[in-house]
């Protein structure tokens, strides 16, 4: 459910109407944003579906990374959402940073940011969540995605792959000699003897 809401928010931003329907679009986006409140405890991101019960699977342990990324991109595409989103990302980033000094390397990140100390959970998902949440706070100094009007196109080649077929030469092999035939005969006989012996021992 969390990812459905987050992806819907960003998809909604990408479909922003320029004139007609703009107010309706803004109303719907606000509704989606309000729905994300359930994923924050005192503005700190939490995987509410499984953290408290200690039942998060491998996928769920990385969900906060996607939430942070798409909420940050929403700020970029709809700047008026910054007042709602940025305080949550800033608070979550501070909490994540406090939970990334554990383990033998002192760089291991935990999962539950709403509690004190390390939760003894670690892995790729936890590292992704902390990194994405912290760097998402840089969204205001990053250029927005390009469009067809400012470099978001590439020159295609409609003739690609129409150069015609080239003849493929047959693999070069050396002629079979008498020694090759003798060697092949001995090898075949050896394999047959092994099969017979194996069958005999299996039967006996």
N, C-alpha and C. Protein backbone atom coordinates (compact mmCIF):
# COMPACT_ATOMS: atom_id res chain seq x y z
N UNK A 1 0.83 -1.20 0.00
CA UNK A 1 0.00 0.00 0.00
C UNK A 1 0.87 1.25 0.00
N UNK A 2 1.94 1.21 0.77
CA UNK A 2 2.83 2.38 0.85
C UNK A 2 3.36 2.76 -0.52
N UNK A 3 3.87 1.77 -1.26
CA UNK A 3 4.45 2.08 -2.57
C UNK A 3 3.39 2.53 -3.56
N UNK A 4 2.19 1.99 -3.44
CA UNK A 4 1.10 2.42 -4.33
C UNK A 4 0.84 3.90 -4.14
N UNK A 5 0.79 4.35 -2.90
CA UNK A 5 0.53 5.77 -2.62
C UNK A 5 1.68 6.63 -3.12
N UNK A 6 2.91 6.21 -2.82
CA UNK A 6 4.09 7.01 -3.20
C UNK A 6 4.22 7.11 -4.71
N UNK A 7 4.07 5.99 -5.42
CA UNK A 7 4.17 6.02 -6.88
C UNK A 7 3.02 6.85 -7.48
N UNK A 8 1.86 6.76 -6.85
CA UNK A 8 0.71 7.53 -7.34
C UNK A 8 0.97 9.03 -7.20
N UNK A 9 1.62 9.41 -6.11
CA UNK A 9 1.94 10.82 -5.90
C UNK A 9 2.83 11.34 -7.02
N UNK A 10 3.90 10.61 -7.31
CA UNK A 10 4.83 11.09 -8.34
C UNK A 10 4.19 11.02 -9.73
N UNK A 11 3.44 9.96 -9.99
CA UNK A 11 2.76 9.86 -11.29
C UNK A 11 1.79 11.01 -11.46
N UNK A 12 1.14 11.39 -10.36
CA UNK A 12 0.22 12.52 -10.40
C UNK A 12 0.97 13.80 -10.76
N UNK A 13 2.17 13.94 -10.22
CA UNK A 13 2.98 15.12 -10.53
C UNK A 13 3.34 15.17 -12.01
N UNK A 14 3.68 14.02 -12.58
CA UNK A 14 4.08 13.98 -13.98
C UNK A 14 2.92 14.28 -14.91
N UNK A 15 1.71 14.08 -14.43
CA UNK A 15 0.54 14.33 -15.28
C UNK A 15 -0.09 15.69 -15.00
N UNK A 16 0.67 16.57 -14.40
CA UNK A 16 0.16 17.90 -14.04
C UNK A 16 -0.39 18.64 -15.25
N UNK A 17 -1.63 19.05 -15.22
CA UNK A 17 -2.20 19.83 -16.32
C UNK A 17 -1.70 21.27 -16.26
N UNK A 18 -1.53 21.87 -17.39
CA UNK A 18 -1.02 23.24 -17.42
C UNK A 18 -2.12 24.28 -17.19
N UNK A 19 -3.32 23.97 -17.62
CA UNK A 19 -4.40 24.96 -17.45
C UNK A 19 -5.66 24.28 -16.91
N UNK A 20 -6.43 23.68 -17.79
CA UNK A 20 -7.69 23.07 -17.41
C UNK A 20 -7.48 21.91 -16.44
N UNK A 21 -8.19 21.92 -15.35
CA UNK A 21 -8.11 20.84 -14.37
C UNK A 21 -6.99 20.98 -13.37
N UNK A 22 -6.28 22.09 -13.36
CA UNK A 22 -5.14 22.24 -12.47
C UNK A 22 -5.56 22.20 -11.00
N UNK A 23 -6.68 22.80 -10.69
CA UNK A 23 -7.12 22.83 -9.30
C UNK A 23 -7.53 21.43 -8.82
N UNK A 24 -8.19 20.68 -9.70
CA UNK A 24 -8.57 19.31 -9.36
C UNK A 24 -7.32 18.46 -9.15
N UNK A 25 -6.33 18.66 -10.02
CA UNK A 25 -5.06 17.94 -9.89
C UNK A 25 -4.41 18.24 -8.54
N UNK A 26 -4.42 19.50 -8.14
CA UNK A 26 -3.81 19.89 -6.87
C UNK A 26 -4.58 19.27 -5.69
N UNK A 27 -5.87 19.22 -5.78
CA UNK A 27 -6.68 18.64 -4.72
C UNK A 27 -6.38 17.15 -4.56
N UNK A 28 -6.27 16.46 -5.68
CA UNK A 28 -5.99 15.03 -5.62
C UNK A 28 -4.59 14.76 -5.09
N UNK A 29 -3.62 15.56 -5.49
CA UNK A 29 -2.26 15.40 -4.99
C UNK A 29 -2.20 15.66 -3.49
N UNK A 30 -2.92 16.67 -3.03
CA UNK A 30 -2.97 16.95 -1.59
C UNK A 30 -3.54 15.77 -0.82
N UNK A 31 -4.57 15.16 -1.37
CA UNK A 31 -5.16 14.00 -0.72
C UNK A 31 -4.19 12.84 -0.61
N UNK A 32 -3.43 12.61 -1.68
CA UNK A 32 -2.42 11.54 -1.66
C UNK A 32 -1.33 11.85 -0.64
N UNK A 33 -0.90 13.10 -0.58
CA UNK A 33 0.13 13.48 0.37
C UNK A 33 -0.34 13.29 1.81
N UNK A 34 -1.58 13.68 2.06
CA UNK A 34 -2.13 13.52 3.41
C UNK A 34 -2.15 12.05 3.84
N UNK A 35 -2.30 11.17 2.85
CA UNK A 35 -2.34 9.74 3.15
C UNK A 35 -0.99 9.21 3.63
N UNK A 36 0.08 9.96 3.36
CA UNK A 36 1.41 9.49 3.78
C UNK A 36 1.67 9.73 5.26
N UNK A 37 0.82 10.48 5.92
CA UNK A 37 1.02 10.74 7.35
C UNK A 37 1.14 9.46 8.15
N UNK A 38 0.49 8.41 7.70
CA UNK A 38 0.50 7.16 8.44
C UNK A 38 1.89 6.54 8.48
N UNK A 39 2.75 6.94 7.55
CA UNK A 39 4.09 6.37 7.48
C UNK A 39 5.12 7.17 8.27
N UNK A 40 4.66 8.13 9.05
CA UNK A 40 5.57 8.96 9.83
C UNK A 40 5.12 9.01 11.29
N UNK A 41 6.09 8.91 12.18
CA UNK A 41 5.85 9.05 13.61
C UNK A 41 6.64 10.26 14.08
N UNK A 42 5.94 11.33 14.45
CA UNK A 42 6.61 12.58 14.80
C UNK A 42 7.55 13.04 13.68
N UNK A 43 7.06 12.93 12.46
CA UNK A 43 7.80 13.34 11.26
C UNK A 43 8.99 12.44 10.93
N UNK A 44 9.14 11.33 11.63
CA UNK A 44 10.20 10.38 11.32
C UNK A 44 9.60 9.18 10.60
N UNK A 45 10.19 8.83 9.47
CA UNK A 45 9.65 7.76 8.65
C UNK A 45 9.72 6.41 9.37
N UNK A 46 8.67 5.63 9.22
CA UNK A 46 8.62 4.31 9.84
C UNK A 46 7.87 3.34 8.93
N UNK A 47 8.30 2.11 8.93
CA UNK A 47 7.61 1.07 8.18
C UNK A 47 6.55 0.48 9.11
N UNK A 48 5.42 1.17 9.18
CA UNK A 48 4.42 0.87 10.20
C UNK A 48 3.79 -0.51 10.05
N UNK A 49 3.85 -1.07 8.87
CA UNK A 49 3.21 -2.37 8.64
C UNK A 49 3.93 -3.51 9.33
N UNK A 50 5.22 -3.31 9.66
CA UNK A 50 5.96 -4.47 10.18
C UNK A 50 7.03 -4.16 11.22
N UNK A 51 7.43 -2.89 11.38
CA UNK A 51 8.52 -2.60 12.31
C UNK A 51 8.18 -2.99 13.75
N UNK A 52 7.03 -2.59 14.22
CA UNK A 52 6.68 -2.84 15.62
C UNK A 52 6.50 -4.33 15.91
N UNK A 53 6.11 -5.10 14.90
CA UNK A 53 5.90 -6.54 15.09
C UNK A 53 7.11 -7.37 14.68
N UNK A 54 8.16 -6.68 14.18
CA UNK A 54 9.39 -7.35 13.78
C UNK A 54 9.14 -8.41 12.70
N UNK A 55 8.30 -8.05 11.73
CA UNK A 55 7.95 -9.00 10.67
C UNK A 55 8.29 -8.48 9.27
N UNK A 56 9.15 -7.47 9.16
CA UNK A 56 9.49 -6.91 7.85
C UNK A 56 10.26 -7.93 7.01
N UNK A 57 9.82 -8.13 5.77
CA UNK A 57 10.58 -9.01 4.89
C UNK A 57 11.67 -8.20 4.18
N UNK A 58 12.41 -8.86 3.31
CA UNK A 58 13.55 -8.21 2.65
C UNK A 58 13.10 -6.98 1.86
N UNK A 59 11.98 -7.09 1.16
CA UNK A 59 11.50 -5.97 0.35
C UNK A 59 11.10 -4.78 1.23
N UNK A 60 10.37 -5.06 2.29
CA UNK A 60 9.87 -3.98 3.14
C UNK A 60 11.01 -3.21 3.81
N UNK A 61 12.13 -3.84 3.98
CA UNK A 61 13.26 -3.18 4.63
C UNK A 61 13.90 -2.10 3.75
N UNK A 62 13.48 -2.04 2.48
CA UNK A 62 14.00 -1.00 1.59
C UNK A 62 12.93 0.01 1.18
N UNK A 63 11.71 -0.14 1.67
CA UNK A 63 10.61 0.72 1.22
C UNK A 63 10.84 2.20 1.54
N UNK A 64 11.48 2.50 2.66
CA UNK A 64 11.67 3.90 3.02
C UNK A 64 12.56 4.62 2.01
N UNK A 65 13.41 3.87 1.32
CA UNK A 65 14.25 4.48 0.28
C UNK A 65 13.40 5.02 -0.86
N UNK A 66 12.42 4.23 -1.29
CA UNK A 66 11.57 4.65 -2.40
C UNK A 66 10.64 5.79 -1.96
N UNK A 67 10.18 5.70 -0.73
CA UNK A 67 9.31 6.75 -0.21
C UNK A 67 10.04 8.08 -0.21
N UNK A 68 11.28 8.08 0.27
CA UNK A 68 12.08 9.31 0.30
C UNK A 68 12.33 9.86 -1.10
N UNK A 69 12.69 8.97 -1.99
CA UNK A 69 13.02 9.43 -3.35
C UNK A 69 11.84 10.08 -4.04
N UNK A 70 10.69 9.44 -4.00
CA UNK A 70 9.55 9.96 -4.75
C UNK A 70 8.89 11.14 -4.05
N UNK A 71 9.01 11.22 -2.74
CA UNK A 71 8.52 12.43 -2.07
C UNK A 71 9.41 13.62 -2.43
N UNK A 72 10.71 13.38 -2.51
CA UNK A 72 11.62 14.46 -2.91
C UNK A 72 11.36 14.90 -4.35
N UNK A 73 11.15 13.95 -5.24
CA UNK A 73 10.86 14.29 -6.63
C UNK A 73 9.53 15.04 -6.74
N UNK A 74 8.61 14.74 -5.84
CA UNK A 74 7.34 15.46 -5.83
C UNK A 74 7.58 16.94 -5.53
N UNK A 75 8.48 17.22 -4.59
CA UNK A 75 8.82 18.61 -4.27
C UNK A 75 9.36 19.32 -5.51
N UNK A 76 10.14 18.60 -6.28
CA UNK A 76 10.74 19.19 -7.48
C UNK A 76 9.70 19.48 -8.55
N UNK A 77 8.75 18.57 -8.69
CA UNK A 77 7.75 18.73 -9.74
C UNK A 77 6.58 19.62 -9.30
N UNK A 78 6.34 19.67 -7.99
CA UNK A 78 5.25 20.50 -7.45
C UNK A 78 5.80 21.25 -6.23
N UNK A 79 6.52 22.35 -6.45
CA UNK A 79 7.21 23.05 -5.36
C UNK A 79 6.32 23.44 -4.19
N UNK A 80 5.03 23.62 -4.41
CA UNK A 80 4.16 24.02 -3.31
C UNK A 80 4.01 22.92 -2.25
N UNK A 81 4.47 21.70 -2.56
CA UNK A 81 4.39 20.61 -1.58
C UNK A 81 5.57 20.60 -0.61
N UNK A 82 6.54 21.49 -0.83
CA UNK A 82 7.75 21.49 -0.01
C UNK A 82 7.46 21.69 1.48
N UNK A 83 6.52 22.57 1.80
CA UNK A 83 6.21 22.84 3.21
C UNK A 83 5.68 21.60 3.92
N UNK A 84 5.06 20.72 3.17
CA UNK A 84 4.53 19.49 3.75
C UNK A 84 5.59 18.39 3.80
N UNK A 85 6.36 18.27 2.72
CA UNK A 85 7.28 17.14 2.56
C UNK A 85 8.64 17.35 3.23
N UNK A 86 9.25 18.51 3.03
CA UNK A 86 10.63 18.69 3.48
C UNK A 86 10.83 18.52 4.99
N UNK A 87 9.93 19.02 5.85
CA UNK A 87 10.13 18.76 7.28
C UNK A 87 10.18 17.27 7.61
N UNK A 88 9.41 16.48 6.89
CA UNK A 88 9.42 15.04 7.13
C UNK A 88 10.73 14.42 6.67
N UNK A 89 11.22 14.86 5.51
CA UNK A 89 12.49 14.32 5.00
C UNK A 89 13.66 14.77 5.87
N UNK A 90 13.62 16.00 6.33
CA UNK A 90 14.71 16.51 7.17
C UNK A 90 14.77 15.78 8.51
N UNK A 91 13.63 15.63 9.15
CA UNK A 91 13.59 14.92 10.43
C UNK A 91 13.99 13.46 10.26
N UNK A 92 13.52 12.85 9.19
CA UNK A 92 13.85 11.45 8.93
C UNK A 92 15.33 11.28 8.62
N UNK A 93 15.91 12.23 7.91
CA UNK A 93 17.33 12.15 7.59
C UNK A 93 18.19 12.24 8.85
N UNK A 94 17.82 13.11 9.77
CA UNK A 94 18.57 13.23 11.03
C UNK A 94 18.46 11.94 11.83
N UNK A 95 17.26 11.37 11.85
CA UNK A 95 17.06 10.11 12.59
C UNK A 95 17.86 8.98 11.93
N UNK A 96 17.86 8.95 10.60
CA UNK A 96 18.60 7.90 9.89
C UNK A 96 20.10 8.02 10.17
N UNK A 97 20.61 9.24 10.15
CA UNK A 97 22.04 9.45 10.40
C UNK A 97 22.44 8.97 11.79
N UNK A 98 21.56 9.16 12.77
CA UNK A 98 21.85 8.71 14.14
C UNK A 98 21.89 7.19 14.24
N UNK A 99 21.30 6.53 13.28
CA UNK A 99 21.25 5.06 13.30
C UNK A 99 22.19 4.44 12.28
N UNK A 100 23.24 5.16 11.91
CA UNK A 100 24.18 4.63 10.91
C UNK A 100 25.62 4.60 11.43
N UNK A 101 25.78 4.41 12.71
CA UNK A 101 27.14 4.35 13.28
C UNK A 101 27.32 3.07 14.09
N UNK A 102 26.75 1.99 13.60
CA UNK A 102 26.78 0.74 14.36
C UNK A 102 27.59 -0.33 13.63
N UNK A 103 27.65 -1.49 14.22
CA UNK A 103 28.38 -2.60 13.61
C UNK A 103 29.87 -2.47 13.84
N UNK A 104 30.61 -3.46 13.40
CA UNK A 104 32.07 -3.46 13.57
C UNK A 104 32.74 -2.34 12.80
N UNK A 105 32.13 -1.95 11.67
CA UNK A 105 32.73 -0.89 10.86
C UNK A 105 32.27 0.51 11.27
N UNK A 106 31.34 0.57 12.22
CA UNK A 106 30.79 1.85 12.69
C UNK A 106 30.11 2.63 11.57
N UNK A 107 29.74 1.95 10.49
CA UNK A 107 29.04 2.58 9.38
C UNK A 107 27.77 1.83 9.02
N UNK A 108 27.36 0.91 9.86
CA UNK A 108 26.18 0.09 9.58
C UNK A 108 24.91 0.81 10.05
N UNK A 109 23.91 0.81 9.18
CA UNK A 109 22.65 1.50 9.49
C UNK A 109 21.60 0.51 9.98
N UNK A 110 20.81 0.96 10.95
CA UNK A 110 19.71 0.17 11.44
C UNK A 110 18.44 0.48 10.66
N UNK A 111 17.36 -0.15 11.04
CA UNK A 111 16.11 0.02 10.32
C UNK A 111 15.11 0.92 11.04
N UNK A 112 14.97 0.74 12.34
CA UNK A 112 13.94 1.47 13.08
C UNK A 112 14.52 2.78 13.59
N UNK A 113 14.10 3.88 12.98
CA UNK A 113 14.66 5.19 13.31
C UNK A 113 13.91 5.90 14.44
N UNK A 114 12.81 5.34 14.87
CA UNK A 114 12.00 6.00 15.89
C UNK A 114 12.36 5.56 17.31
N UNK A 115 13.35 4.71 17.44
CA UNK A 115 13.77 4.25 18.75
C UNK A 115 15.22 4.64 19.01
N UNK A 116 15.62 4.61 20.26
CA UNK A 116 17.00 4.92 20.62
C UNK A 116 17.87 3.69 20.44
N UNK A 117 19.09 3.90 19.95
CA UNK A 117 20.03 2.80 19.82
C UNK A 117 19.76 1.92 18.60
N UNK A 118 20.65 0.96 18.43
CA UNK A 118 20.61 0.08 17.26
C UNK A 118 19.60 -1.04 17.49
N UNK A 119 18.87 -1.37 16.44
CA UNK A 119 17.89 -2.45 16.51
C UNK A 119 18.49 -3.79 16.08
N UNK A 120 19.80 -3.81 15.80
CA UNK A 120 20.51 -5.03 15.37
C UNK A 120 20.00 -5.55 14.03
N UNK A 121 19.43 -4.67 13.25
CA UNK A 121 19.01 -5.03 11.89
C UNK A 121 19.93 -4.31 10.91
N UNK A 122 20.38 -5.03 9.91
CA UNK A 122 21.29 -4.43 8.93
C UNK A 122 21.19 -5.18 7.60
N UNK A 123 21.61 -4.52 6.56
CA UNK A 123 21.57 -5.12 5.23
C UNK A 123 21.49 -4.06 4.15
N UNK A 124 21.34 -4.50 2.92
CA UNK A 124 21.28 -3.58 1.78
C UNK A 124 20.08 -2.64 1.92
N UNK A 125 18.95 -3.17 2.33
CA UNK A 125 17.74 -2.34 2.46
C UNK A 125 17.93 -1.20 3.44
N UNK A 126 18.51 -1.50 4.60
CA UNK A 126 18.72 -0.47 5.61
C UNK A 126 19.68 0.61 5.12
N UNK A 127 20.73 0.19 4.42
CA UNK A 127 21.70 1.16 3.89
C UNK A 127 21.05 2.04 2.82
N UNK A 128 20.24 1.41 1.96
CA UNK A 128 19.54 2.17 0.91
C UNK A 128 18.62 3.22 1.52
N UNK A 129 17.88 2.82 2.54
CA UNK A 129 16.91 3.74 3.15
C UNK A 129 17.60 4.97 3.72
N UNK A 130 18.68 4.74 4.45
CA UNK A 130 19.39 5.86 5.06
C UNK A 130 20.01 6.76 3.99
N UNK A 131 20.67 6.17 3.01
CA UNK A 131 21.32 6.97 1.96
C UNK A 131 20.30 7.79 1.19
N UNK A 132 19.22 7.16 0.76
CA UNK A 132 18.22 7.85 -0.05
C UNK A 132 17.53 8.96 0.73
N UNK A 133 17.26 8.71 2.00
CA UNK A 133 16.58 9.72 2.81
C UNK A 133 17.47 10.92 3.05
N UNK A 134 18.73 10.68 3.31
CA UNK A 134 19.66 11.79 3.55
C UNK A 134 19.89 12.60 2.28
N UNK A 135 20.14 11.91 1.16
CA UNK A 135 20.44 12.65 -0.07
C UNK A 135 19.19 13.29 -0.68
N UNK A 136 18.01 12.82 -0.29
CA UNK A 136 16.78 13.43 -0.80
C UNK A 136 16.64 14.88 -0.35
N UNK A 137 17.33 15.24 0.72
CA UNK A 137 17.27 16.62 1.19
C UNK A 137 18.04 17.58 0.28
N UNK A 138 18.73 17.04 -0.70
CA UNK A 138 19.45 17.87 -1.67
C UNK A 138 18.61 18.16 -2.91
N UNK A 139 17.36 17.75 -2.89
CA UNK A 139 16.53 17.85 -4.08
C UNK A 139 16.37 19.28 -4.57
N UNK A 140 16.44 20.24 -3.67
CA UNK A 140 16.24 21.64 -4.08
C UNK A 140 17.42 22.21 -4.86
N UNK A 141 18.54 21.51 -4.86
CA UNK A 141 19.71 22.01 -5.60
C UNK A 141 20.04 21.11 -6.79
N UNK A 142 19.12 20.23 -7.14
CA UNK A 142 19.31 19.32 -8.26
C UNK A 142 18.39 19.72 -9.40
N UNK A 143 18.90 19.66 -10.61
CA UNK A 143 18.09 20.02 -11.78
C UNK A 143 16.95 19.03 -11.95
N UNK A 144 15.77 19.50 -12.35
CA UNK A 144 14.63 18.59 -12.54
C UNK A 144 14.84 17.71 -13.77
N UNK A 145 14.04 16.67 -13.91
CA UNK A 145 14.16 15.80 -15.09
C UNK A 145 13.98 16.59 -16.38
N UNK A 146 14.72 16.22 -17.39
CA UNK A 146 14.63 16.91 -18.67
C UNK A 146 13.33 16.54 -19.38
N UNK A 147 12.92 17.40 -20.28
CA UNK A 147 11.73 17.16 -21.08
C UNK A 147 12.10 17.20 -22.55
N UNK A 148 11.10 17.05 -23.40
CA UNK A 148 11.35 17.11 -24.84
C UNK A 148 11.82 18.49 -25.27
N UNK A 149 11.60 19.49 -24.42
CA UNK A 149 11.98 20.87 -24.78
C UNK A 149 13.37 21.26 -24.31
N UNK A 150 13.97 20.46 -23.43
CA UNK A 150 15.29 20.87 -22.92
C UNK A 150 16.28 19.72 -22.84
N UNK A 151 16.28 18.90 -23.87
CA UNK A 151 17.31 17.86 -23.94
C UNK A 151 16.85 16.45 -23.66
N UNK A 152 15.57 16.24 -23.48
CA UNK A 152 15.10 14.91 -23.16
C UNK A 152 14.81 14.05 -24.37
N UNK A 153 15.49 14.29 -25.48
CA UNK A 153 15.29 13.49 -26.67
C UNK A 153 16.64 13.02 -27.20
N UNK A 154 16.63 12.00 -27.98
CA UNK A 154 17.85 11.51 -28.64
C UNK A 154 17.54 11.27 -30.10
N UNK A 155 18.54 11.40 -30.93
CA UNK A 155 18.37 11.23 -32.37
C UNK A 155 18.33 9.74 -32.69
N UNK A 156 17.25 9.31 -33.31
CA UNK A 156 17.12 7.91 -33.68
C UNK A 156 17.64 7.65 -35.09
N UNK A 157 17.76 6.41 -35.43
CA UNK A 157 18.21 6.01 -36.75
C UNK A 157 17.22 4.97 -37.29
N UNK A 158 16.24 5.43 -38.07
CA UNK A 158 15.23 4.49 -38.58
C UNK A 158 15.80 3.44 -39.52
N UNK A 159 17.02 3.64 -40.01
CA UNK A 159 17.62 2.66 -40.92
C UNK A 159 18.49 1.65 -40.17
N UNK A 160 18.51 1.74 -38.86
CA UNK A 160 19.34 0.82 -38.09
C UNK A 160 18.93 -0.62 -38.32
N UNK A 161 19.91 -1.44 -38.56
CA UNK A 161 19.65 -2.88 -38.74
C UNK A 161 19.22 -3.27 -40.12
N UNK A 162 19.27 -2.32 -41.07
CA UNK A 162 18.82 -2.65 -42.43
C UNK A 162 19.99 -2.72 -43.41
N UNK A 163 21.17 -2.99 -42.89
CA UNK A 163 22.35 -3.01 -43.76
C UNK A 163 22.50 -4.26 -44.58
N UNK A 164 21.59 -5.20 -44.45
CA UNK A 164 21.70 -6.44 -45.21
C UNK A 164 22.44 -7.51 -44.44
N UNK A 165 22.24 -8.74 -44.86
CA UNK A 165 22.89 -9.87 -44.20
C UNK A 165 24.27 -10.11 -44.80
N UNK A 166 25.16 -10.50 -43.92
CA UNK A 166 26.49 -10.88 -44.40
C UNK A 166 26.62 -12.39 -44.29
N UNK A 167 27.27 -12.98 -45.28
CA UNK A 167 27.46 -14.42 -45.25
C UNK A 167 28.36 -14.79 -44.09
N UNK A 168 27.95 -15.81 -43.38
CA UNK A 168 28.74 -16.29 -42.24
C UNK A 168 29.57 -17.47 -42.70
N UNK A 169 30.87 -17.34 -42.55
CA UNK A 169 31.75 -18.41 -43.00
C UNK A 169 31.67 -19.60 -42.06
N UNK A 170 31.79 -20.79 -42.63
CA UNK A 170 31.74 -22.01 -41.82
C UNK A 170 33.01 -22.10 -40.98
N UNK A 171 32.90 -22.71 -39.81
CA UNK A 171 34.09 -22.86 -38.96
C UNK A 171 35.16 -23.69 -39.65
N UNK A 172 36.39 -23.29 -39.47
CA UNK A 172 37.51 -23.98 -40.11
C UNK A 172 37.91 -25.19 -39.27
N UNK A 173 37.92 -26.35 -39.90
CA UNK A 173 38.33 -27.58 -39.20
C UNK A 173 39.44 -28.25 -39.99
N UNK A 174 40.30 -28.92 -39.25
CA UNK A 174 41.38 -29.65 -39.92
C UNK A 174 40.88 -31.04 -40.29
N UNK A 175 41.40 -31.63 -41.34
CA UNK A 175 40.95 -32.96 -41.75
C UNK A 175 41.27 -34.02 -40.69
N UNK A 176 40.40 -35.05 -40.61
CA UNK A 176 40.59 -36.13 -39.64
C UNK A 176 41.70 -37.05 -40.10
N UNK A 177 42.63 -37.34 -39.21
CA UNK A 177 43.77 -38.21 -39.56
C UNK A 177 43.55 -39.61 -38.99
N UNK A 178 44.44 -40.52 -39.36
CA UNK A 178 44.36 -41.90 -38.85
C UNK A 178 44.53 -41.93 -37.34
N UNK A 179 45.41 -41.08 -36.81
CA UNK A 179 45.64 -41.01 -35.36
C UNK A 179 44.37 -40.55 -34.63
N UNK A 180 43.65 -39.62 -35.25
CA UNK A 180 42.41 -39.14 -34.65
C UNK A 180 41.39 -40.27 -34.54
N UNK A 181 41.28 -41.07 -35.59
CA UNK A 181 40.31 -42.16 -35.59
C UNK A 181 40.67 -43.23 -34.57
N UNK A 182 41.96 -43.52 -34.45
CA UNK A 182 42.40 -44.52 -33.46
C UNK A 182 42.12 -44.02 -32.04
N UNK A 183 42.45 -42.75 -31.81
CA UNK A 183 42.20 -42.18 -30.48
C UNK A 183 40.73 -42.19 -30.14
N UNK A 184 39.88 -41.87 -31.12
CA UNK A 184 38.45 -41.87 -30.89
C UNK A 184 37.95 -43.28 -30.61
N UNK A 185 38.52 -44.25 -31.28
CA UNK A 185 38.12 -45.65 -31.06
C UNK A 185 38.45 -46.10 -29.65
N UNK A 186 39.68 -45.80 -29.20
CA UNK A 186 40.07 -46.19 -27.84
C UNK A 186 39.17 -45.51 -26.80
N UNK A 187 38.89 -44.24 -27.02
CA UNK A 187 38.05 -43.50 -26.06
C UNK A 187 36.63 -44.07 -26.00
N UNK A 188 36.08 -44.42 -27.18
CA UNK A 188 34.75 -45.00 -27.23
C UNK A 188 34.71 -46.34 -26.52
N UNK A 189 35.74 -47.16 -26.78
CA UNK A 189 35.80 -48.47 -26.14
C UNK A 189 35.91 -48.33 -24.63
N UNK A 190 36.70 -47.36 -24.16
CA UNK A 190 36.88 -47.15 -22.73
C UNK A 190 35.56 -46.77 -22.06
N UNK A 191 34.81 -45.90 -22.72
CA UNK A 191 33.52 -45.48 -22.16
C UNK A 191 32.54 -46.64 -22.11
N UNK A 192 32.52 -47.45 -23.17
CA UNK A 192 31.62 -48.61 -23.20
C UNK A 192 31.95 -49.58 -22.09
N UNK A 193 33.26 -49.83 -21.87
CA UNK A 193 33.68 -50.76 -20.81
C UNK A 193 33.25 -50.23 -19.44
N UNK A 194 33.41 -48.92 -19.23
CA UNK A 194 33.00 -48.33 -17.96
C UNK A 194 31.50 -48.50 -17.74
N UNK A 195 30.71 -48.31 -18.80
CA UNK A 195 29.26 -48.45 -18.68
C UNK A 195 28.88 -49.89 -18.35
N UNK A 196 29.54 -50.84 -18.98
CA UNK A 196 29.25 -52.25 -18.72
C UNK A 196 29.60 -52.61 -17.28
N UNK A 197 30.78 -52.14 -16.83
CA UNK A 197 31.21 -52.44 -15.46
C UNK A 197 30.27 -51.79 -14.45
N UNK A 198 29.85 -50.58 -14.73
CA UNK A 198 28.93 -49.90 -13.81
C UNK A 198 27.60 -50.62 -13.73
N UNK A 199 27.10 -51.06 -14.89
CA UNK A 199 25.86 -51.82 -14.90
C UNK A 199 25.97 -53.13 -14.16
N UNK A 200 27.12 -53.78 -14.31
CA UNK A 200 27.35 -55.06 -13.63
C UNK A 200 27.31 -54.89 -12.11
N UNK A 201 28.03 -53.89 -11.63
CA UNK A 201 28.09 -53.68 -10.17
C UNK A 201 26.73 -53.25 -9.62
N UNK A 202 25.95 -52.54 -10.42
CA UNK A 202 24.61 -52.14 -9.96
C UNK A 202 23.69 -53.35 -9.84
N UNK A 203 23.84 -54.30 -10.77
CA UNK A 203 22.99 -55.48 -10.76
C UNK A 203 23.41 -56.43 -9.64
N UNK A 204 24.74 -56.62 -9.53
CA UNK A 204 25.26 -57.56 -8.53
C UNK A 204 25.18 -56.93 -7.14
